[in-house]
PDB file of N, CA and C in Angstrom:
ATOM      1  N   UNK A   1     -84.176  29.194  43.604  1.00  0.00           N
ATOM      2  CA  UNK A   1     -83.653  28.260  44.063  1.00  0.00           C
ATOM      3  C   UNK A   1     -82.342  29.245  45.292  1.00  0.00           C
ATOM      4  N   UNK A   2     -82.242  30.827  44.341  1.00  0.00           N
ATOM      5  CA  UNK A   2     -81.531  31.556  44.657  1.00  0.00           C
ATOM      6  C   UNK A   2     -82.312  32.380  45.773  1.00  0.00           C
ATOM      7  N   UNK A   3     -83.453  32.659  45.201  1.00  0.00           N
ATOM      8  CA  UNK A   3     -84.464  33.085  47.130  1.00  0.00           C
ATOM      9  C   UNK A   3     -83.568  32.341  48.018  1.00  0.00           C
ATOM     10  N   UNK A   4     -83.857  30.743  47.756  1.00  0.00           N
ATOM     11  CA  UNK A   4     -84.147  29.981  49.483  1.00  0.00           C
ATOM     12  C   UNK A   4     -82.866  30.288  49.405  1.00  0.00           C
ATOM     13  N   UNK A   5     -81.314  30.180  48.683  1.00  0.00           N
ATOM     14  CA  UNK A   5     -80.242  29.813  49.219  1.00  0.00           C
ATOM     15  C   UNK A   5     -79.559  31.574  50.152  1.00  0.00           C
ATOM     16  N   UNK A   6     -80.014  32.405  49.277  1.00  0.00           N
ATOM     17  CA  UNK A   6     -80.353  34.091  49.968  1.00  0.00           C
ATOM     18  C   UNK A   6     -81.414  33.976  51.412  1.00  0.00           C
ATOM     19  N   UNK A   7     -82.862  33.320  51.755  1.00  0.00           N
ATOM     20  CA  UNK A   7     -82.810  33.059  52.681  1.00  0.00           C
ATOM     21  C   UNK A   7     -82.214  32.507  54.519  1.00  0.00           C
ATOM     22  N   UNK A   8     -81.063  30.899  53.681  1.00  0.00           N
ATOM     23  CA  UNK A   8     -80.701  30.535  54.677  1.00  0.00           C
ATOM     24  C   UNK A   8     -79.530  31.015  55.298  1.00  0.00           C
ATOM     25  N   UNK A   9     -78.684  31.836  53.716  1.00  0.00           N
ATOM     26  CA  UNK A   9     -78.069  32.837  54.133  1.00  0.00           C
ATOM     27  C   UNK A   9     -78.155  33.535  55.813  1.00  0.00           C
ATOM     28  N   UNK A  10     -78.510  33.897  54.992  1.00  0.00           N
ATOM     29  CA  UNK A  10     -78.897  35.526  56.134  1.00  0.00           C
ATOM     30  C   UNK A  10     -79.741  34.584  57.687  1.00  0.00           C
ATOM     31  N   UNK A  11     -80.749  33.383  57.628  1.00  0.00           N
ATOM     32  CA  UNK A  11     -81.367  32.522  58.185  1.00  0.00           C
ATOM     33  C   UNK A  11     -79.426  32.553  59.711  1.00  0.00           C
ATOM     34  N   UNK A  12     -78.225  31.972  58.391  1.00  0.00           N
ATOM     35  CA  UNK A  12     -77.536  31.444  59.541  1.00  0.00           C
ATOM     36  C   UNK A  12     -76.262  32.558  59.983  1.00  0.00           C
ATOM     37  N   UNK A  13     -76.019  33.582  59.306  1.00  0.00           N
ATOM     38  CA  UNK A  13     -75.699  34.905  60.089  1.00  0.00           C
ATOM     39  C   UNK A  13     -76.535  34.985  61.011  1.00  0.00           C
ATOM     40  N   UNK A  14     -77.314  36.146  61.575  1.00  0.00           N
ATOM     41  CA  UNK A  14     -78.306  36.059  61.911  1.00  0.00           C
ATOM     42  C   UNK A  14     -77.626  34.422  63.154  1.00  0.00           C
ATOM     43  N   UNK A  15     -77.674  33.566  63.145  1.00  0.00           N
ATOM     44  CA  UNK A  15     -78.028  32.730  64.473  1.00  0.00           C
ATOM     45  C   UNK A  15     -76.536  32.550  65.280  1.00  0.00           C
ATOM     46  N   UNK A  16     -75.552  33.223  63.720  1.00  0.00           N
ATOM     47  CA  UNK A  16     -73.905  33.122  64.494  1.00  0.00           C
ATOM     48  C   UNK A  16     -74.183  34.251  65.074  1.00  0.00           C
ATOM     49  N   UNK A  17     -74.804  35.718  64.617  1.00  0.00           N
ATOM     50  CA  UNK A  17     -74.080  36.429  65.567  1.00  0.00           C
ATOM     51  C   UNK A  17     -74.743  36.132  66.835  1.00  0.00           C
ATOM     52  N   UNK A  18     -76.386  35.814  66.900  1.00  0.00           N
ATOM     53  CA  UNK A  18     -76.363  35.487  68.136  1.00  0.00           C
ATOM     54  C   UNK A  18     -75.976  34.632  69.136  1.00  0.00           C
ATOM     55  N   UNK A  19     -75.616  33.821  68.321  1.00  0.00           N
ATOM     56  CA  UNK A  19     -74.983  32.590  69.494  1.00  0.00           C
ATOM     57  C   UNK A  19     -73.104  33.225  69.779  1.00  0.00           C
ATOM     58  N   UNK A  20     -72.705  34.621  69.089  1.00  0.00           N
ATOM     59  CA  UNK A  20     -71.292  35.194  69.808  1.00  0.00           C
ATOM     60  C   UNK A  20     -71.936  36.493  70.881  1.00  0.00           C
ATOM     61  N   UNK A  21     -73.435  36.585  69.840  1.00  0.00           N
ATOM     62  CA  UNK A  21     -73.383  38.191  71.724  1.00  0.00           C
ATOM     63  C   UNK A  21     -73.996  37.051  73.077  1.00  0.00           C
ATOM     64  N   UNK A  22     -74.747  35.919  72.899  1.00  0.00           N
ATOM     65  CA  UNK A  22     -75.078  35.552  74.046  1.00  0.00           C
ATOM     66  C   UNK A  22     -73.959  34.251  74.305  1.00  0.00           C
ATOM     67  N   UNK A  23     -72.697  33.800  74.447  1.00  0.00           N
ATOM     68  CA  UNK A  23     -71.411  34.047  74.449  1.00  0.00           C
ATOM     69  C   UNK A  23     -70.702  35.086  75.095  1.00  0.00           C
ATOM     70  N   UNK A  24     -70.681  35.854  74.886  1.00  0.00           N
ATOM     71  CA  UNK A  24     -69.820  37.685  75.684  1.00  0.00           C
ATOM     72  C   UNK A  24     -70.966  37.895  76.324  1.00  0.00           C
ATOM     73  N   UNK A  25     -72.210  37.297  75.535  1.00  0.00           N
ATOM     74  CA  UNK A  25     -73.633  38.490  77.710  1.00  0.00           C
ATOM     75  C   UNK A  25     -72.985  36.971  77.893  1.00  0.00           C
ATOM     76  N   UNK A  26     -72.873  36.307  78.516  1.00  0.00           N
ATOM     77  CA  UNK A  26     -72.638  34.952  78.811  1.00  0.00           C
ATOM     78  C   UNK A  26     -71.362  35.795  80.512  1.00  0.00           C
ATOM     79  N   UNK A  27     -70.396  36.165  79.516  1.00  0.00           N
ATOM     80  CA  UNK A  27     -69.373  36.863  80.373  1.00  0.00           C
ATOM     81  C   UNK A  27     -69.797  38.586  80.657  1.00  0.00           C
ATOM     82  N   UNK A  28     -70.396  38.732  80.240  1.00  0.00           N
ATOM     83  CA  UNK A  28     -69.832  40.508  80.277  1.00  0.00           C
ATOM     84  C   UNK A  28     -71.283  40.249  79.872  1.00  0.00           C
ATOM     85  N   UNK A  29     -72.337  41.524  80.052  1.00  0.00           N
ATOM     86  CA  UNK A  29     -73.775  41.817  79.756  1.00  0.00           C
ATOM     87  C   UNK A  29     -72.925  42.764  79.204  1.00  0.00           C
ATOM     88  N   UNK A  30     -72.976  43.852  79.057  1.00  0.00           N
ATOM     89  CA  UNK A  30     -72.994  45.135  77.996  1.00  0.00           C
ATOM     90  C   UNK A  30     -72.454  44.677  76.869  1.00  0.00           C
ATOM     91  N   UNK A  31     -71.145  43.867  77.334  1.00  0.00           N
ATOM     92  CA  UNK A  31     -70.324  43.427  75.674  1.00  0.00           C
ATOM     93  C   UNK A  31     -70.652  42.563  74.649  1.00  0.00           C
ATOM     94  N   UNK A  32     -72.114  41.511  75.363  1.00  0.00           N
ATOM     95  CA  UNK A  32     -73.422  40.713  74.296  1.00  0.00           C
ATOM     96  C   UNK A  32     -73.742  41.106  73.609  1.00  0.00           C
ATOM     97  N   UNK A  33     -74.012  42.844  74.288  1.00  0.00           N
ATOM     98  CA  UNK A  33     -75.143  43.966  73.147  1.00  0.00           C
ATOM     99  C   UNK A  33     -74.317  44.526  72.863  1.00  0.00           C
ATOM    100  N   UNK A  34     -73.281  45.298  72.660  1.00  0.00           N
ATOM    101  CA  UNK A  34     -72.747  45.280  71.690  1.00  0.00           C
ATOM    102  C   UNK A  34     -72.058  44.218  71.079  1.00  0.00           C
ATOM    103  N   UNK A  35     -72.094  43.297  71.215  1.00  0.00           N
ATOM    104  CA  UNK A  35     -71.623  42.518  70.361  1.00  0.00           C
ATOM    105  C   UNK A  35     -72.521  42.193  69.435  1.00  0.00           C
ATOM    106  N   UNK A  36     -74.194  42.208  69.825  1.00  0.00           N
ATOM    107  CA  UNK A  36     -74.927  41.715  69.257  1.00  0.00           C
ATOM    108  C   UNK A  36     -75.372  43.116  67.782  1.00  0.00           C
ATOM    109  N   UNK A  37     -75.382  43.694  68.379  1.00  0.00           N
ATOM    110  CA  UNK A  37     -76.252  45.215  67.365  1.00  0.00           C
ATOM    111  C   UNK A  37     -74.830  45.821  66.441  1.00  0.00           C
ATOM    112  N   UNK A  38     -73.074  45.003  66.788  1.00  0.00           N
ATOM    113  CA  UNK A  38     -72.289  45.123  65.590  1.00  0.00           C
ATOM    114  C   UNK A  38     -72.026  44.283  65.051  1.00  0.00           C
ATOM    115  N   UNK A  39     -73.083  43.424  65.142  1.00  0.00           N
ATOM    116  CA  UNK A  39     -72.779  41.449  64.710  1.00  0.00           C
ATOM    117  C   UNK A  39     -74.703  41.836  63.660  1.00  0.00           C
ATOM    118  N   UNK A  40     -75.497  42.081  64.094  1.00  0.00           N
ATOM    119  CA  UNK A  40     -76.691  43.058  62.761  1.00  0.00           C
ATOM    120  C   UNK A  40     -75.868  44.064  61.859  1.00  0.00           C
ATOM    121  N   UNK A  41     -74.859  45.354  62.287  1.00  0.00           N
ATOM    122  CA  UNK A  41     -74.207  46.292  61.736  1.00  0.00           C
ATOM    123  C   UNK A  41     -73.724  45.313  60.796  1.00  0.00           C
ATOM    124  N   UNK A  42     -73.036  44.183  61.121  1.00  0.00           N
ATOM    125  CA  UNK A  42     -71.798  44.005  59.842  1.00  0.00           C
ATOM    126  C   UNK A  42     -73.223  42.792  58.789  1.00  0.00           C
ATOM    127  N   UNK A  43     -73.855  42.180  59.778  1.00  0.00           N
ATOM    128  CA  UNK A  43     -75.193  41.324  58.570  1.00  0.00           C
ATOM    129  C   UNK A  43     -75.453  41.994  57.630  1.00  0.00           C
ATOM    130  N   UNK A  44     -75.629  43.051  58.370  1.00  0.00           N
ATOM    131  CA  UNK A  44     -76.877  44.895  57.546  1.00  0.00           C
ATOM    132  C   UNK A  44     -75.779  44.782  56.048  1.00  0.00           C
ATOM    133  N   UNK A  45     -74.577  45.489  56.130  1.00  0.00           N
ATOM    134  CA  UNK A  45     -73.528  45.733  55.736  1.00  0.00           C
ATOM    135  C   UNK A  45     -73.078  44.715  54.576  1.00  0.00           C
ATOM    136  N   UNK A  46     -72.782  43.266  54.516  1.00  0.00           N
ATOM    137  CA  UNK A  46     -72.796  42.251  54.265  1.00  0.00           C
ATOM    138  C   UNK A  46     -73.936  42.244  53.054  1.00  0.00           C
ATOM    139  N   UNK A  47     -74.886  42.559  53.360  1.00  0.00           N
ATOM    140  CA  UNK A  47     -76.944  42.244  52.427  1.00  0.00           C
ATOM    141  C   UNK A  47     -76.249  43.876  51.563  1.00  0.00           C
ATOM    142  N   UNK A  48     -75.999  44.864  51.701  1.00  0.00           N
ATOM    143  CA  UNK A  48     -76.067  45.688  51.172  1.00  0.00           C
ATOM    144  C   UNK A  48     -75.022  45.517  49.944  1.00  0.00           C
ATOM    145  N   UNK A  49     -74.259  44.617  50.440  1.00  0.00           N
ATOM    146  CA  UNK A  49     -72.761  44.999  49.368  1.00  0.00           C
ATOM    147  C   UNK A  49     -72.666  44.259  48.667  1.00  0.00           C
ATOM    148  N   UNK A  50     -73.845  42.587  48.641  1.00  0.00           N
ATOM    149  CA  UNK A  50     -73.818  41.946  47.969  1.00  0.00           C
ATOM    150  C   UNK A  50     -74.938  42.195  46.693  1.00  0.00           C
ATOM    151  N   UNK A  51     -76.049  43.431  47.456  1.00  0.00           N
ATOM    152  CA  UNK A  51     -77.131  43.933  46.643  1.00  0.00           C
ATOM    153  C   UNK A  51     -75.637  44.784  45.462  1.00  0.00           C
ATOM    154  N   UNK A  52     -75.496  45.580  45.495  1.00  0.00           N
ATOM    155  CA  UNK A  52     -75.272  46.776  45.330  1.00  0.00           C
ATOM    156  C   UNK A  52     -73.667  46.312  44.131  1.00  0.00           C
ATOM    157  N   UNK A  53     -73.825  44.589  43.971  1.00  0.00           N
ATOM    158  CA  UNK A  53     -72.255  44.176  43.169  1.00  0.00           C
ATOM    159  C   UNK A  53     -72.920  43.047  42.287  1.00  0.00           C
ATOM    160  N   UNK A  54     -74.496  42.999  42.286  1.00  0.00           N
ATOM    161  CA  UNK A  54     -75.384  42.121  41.371  1.00  0.00           C
ATOM    162  C   UNK A  54     -75.951  42.622  40.868  1.00  0.00           C
TER     163      UNK A  54
END
């Protein structure tokens, strides 16, 4: 069951990052690309941090 929760957490985080990047990209395209990249780095960091504490 924990695997399902982990996958749902990952999908949820990626959807949030995508939504923020699209919203910013609608106003300023380079800002949207930057927000998407930073968001993916943040998601990666959160996943690594969670694994190191388990």
